[in-house]
Amino acid sequence: AVVSTQSGHYGRGTESETRLDLSLPQKGIRSNKIDVMVTNLYVKVNYSPYFFDVHLKHEIDDCKTRVVMADNTITLHLIKEEPILWETLVNPASKDSSRRK
């Protein structure tokens, strides 16, 4: 499925009750030039001039999250705190600042 936020489409994603996997294009940027930050309710991936951030709909276990950079793709494996289907990535109550150049 396409990863959708209020600001647009940014990559691909799959969801199960326990996990959310997001894949973003790496755009040929070297891995050591990519900044990734994950908290229990927020994800940010920054690789100039590209920027992606999203306030998540529900909490994840940020300690169990894995980030894999391979084959020109950044894949985030987000482990959910509660085993439920979200159906949307973005917390509708938050001001969505998701964007990508």
Protein backbone atom coordinates (compact mmCIF):
# COMPACT_ATOMS: atom_id res chain seq x y z
CA ALA A 1 0.00 0.00 0.00
CA VAL A 2 1.06 3.59 -0.52
CA VAL A 3 2.07 5.44 2.65
CA SER A 4 -0.35 8.36 2.84
CA THR A 5 -0.36 11.41 5.04
CA GLN A 6 -2.48 14.54 4.85
CA SER A 7 0.30 16.14 2.79
CA GLY A 8 0.61 13.41 0.17
CA HIS A 9 2.11 10.01 -0.69
CA TYR A 10 5.70 9.26 0.26
CA GLY A 11 6.52 5.62 -0.10
CA ARG A 12 5.10 2.19 0.45
CA GLY A 13 3.91 0.45 3.58
CA THR A 14 2.41 -2.73 4.92
CA GLU A 15 0.57 -3.24 8.16
CA SER A 16 -0.28 -6.17 10.42
CA GLU A 17 -1.86 -6.03 13.87
CA THR A 18 1.59 -6.01 15.50
CA ARG A 19 3.83 -4.22 13.00
CA LEU A 20 3.99 -1.40 10.46
CA ASP A 21 6.67 -1.46 7.74
CA LEU A 22 7.44 1.77 5.86
CA SER A 23 9.67 1.93 2.78
CA LEU A 24 10.98 5.26 1.51
CA PRO A 25 13.20 5.84 -1.54
CA GLN A 26 16.82 6.52 -0.59
CA LYS A 27 17.38 8.61 -3.74
CA GLY A 28 21.03 7.55 -4.09
CA ILE A 29 22.03 9.26 -0.81
CA ARG A 30 24.75 7.46 1.19
CA SER A 31 23.50 5.84 4.41
CA ASN A 32 25.85 7.87 6.60
CA LYS A 33 24.19 11.07 5.28
CA ILE A 34 20.69 10.01 6.41
CA ASP A 35 19.28 11.10 9.78
CA VAL A 36 16.53 8.89 11.25
CA MET A 37 14.71 9.65 14.49
CA VAL A 38 11.96 7.46 15.94
CA THR A 39 10.01 8.01 19.16
CA ASN A 40 6.89 6.27 20.41
CA LEU A 41 4.64 8.66 18.41
CA TYR A 42 6.90 10.32 15.83
CA VAL A 43 9.08 9.30 12.86
CA LYS A 44 11.53 11.56 11.04
CA VAL A 45 13.80 10.71 8.10
CA ASN A 46 16.01 13.54 6.81
CA TYR A 47 18.44 13.31 3.91
CA SER A 48 18.99 16.71 2.36
CA PRO A 49 17.23 17.96 0.37
CA TYR A 50 14.57 15.34 1.28
CA PHE A 51 12.61 15.37 4.54
CA PHE A 52 9.85 13.08 5.85
CA ASP A 53 8.17 13.28 9.24
CA VAL A 54 4.89 12.04 10.63
CA HIS A 55 3.04 12.04 13.95
CA LEU A 56 1.80 8.47 14.30
CA LYS A 57 -1.82 7.57 14.97
CA HIS A 58 -0.90 5.20 17.84
CA GLU A 59 2.20 4.39 19.90
CA ILE A 60 5.02 2.14 18.76
CA ASP A 61 7.81 0.51 20.75
CA ASP A 62 10.67 2.74 19.65
CA CYS A 63 13.24 0.45 21.31
CA LYS A 64 12.20 -2.47 19.08
CA THR A 65 12.05 -0.44 15.86
CA ARG A 66 14.56 -1.42 13.17
CA VAL A 67 15.83 0.71 10.30
CA VAL A 68 17.34 -1.03 7.26
CA MET A 69 19.05 0.84 4.43
CA ALA A 70 19.59 -1.37 1.38
CA ASP A 71 18.89 -1.42 -2.36
CA ASN A 72 18.23 2.36 -2.48
CA THR A 73 15.41 1.96 0.05
CA ILE A 74 15.04 3.03 3.68
CA THR A 75 12.80 0.52 5.47
CA LEU A 76 11.44 1.19 8.94
CA HIS A 77 10.03 -1.79 10.85
CA LEU A 78 7.81 -0.22 13.53
CA ILE A 79 6.52 -2.51 16.30
CA LYS A 80 3.12 -1.45 17.63
CA GLU A 81 2.46 -1.12 21.36
CA GLU A 82 -1.08 -2.51 20.97
CA PRO A 83 -2.02 -5.23 18.46
CA ILE A 84 -4.62 -3.37 16.37
CA LEU A 85 -4.96 -2.29 12.74
CA TRP A 86 -4.49 1.46 12.37
CA GLU A 87 -5.83 1.81 8.80
CA THR A 88 -4.08 5.19 8.61
CA LEU A 89 -0.56 6.27 9.54
CA VAL A 90 -1.21 9.82 10.73
CA ASN A 91 -2.70 10.87 14.04
CA PRO A 92 -5.73 12.93 12.91
CA ALA A 93 -5.59 15.00 16.12
CA SER A 94 -2.04 16.19 15.44
CA LYS A 95 -1.01 18.95 13.13
CA ASP A 96 0.48 16.94 10.26
CA SER A 97 3.86 18.31 9.33
CA SER A 98 4.73 15.47 6.97
CA ARG A 99 6.47 16.66 3.88
CA ARG A 100 9.00 15.62 1.31
CA LYS A 101 10.83 17.63 -1.28
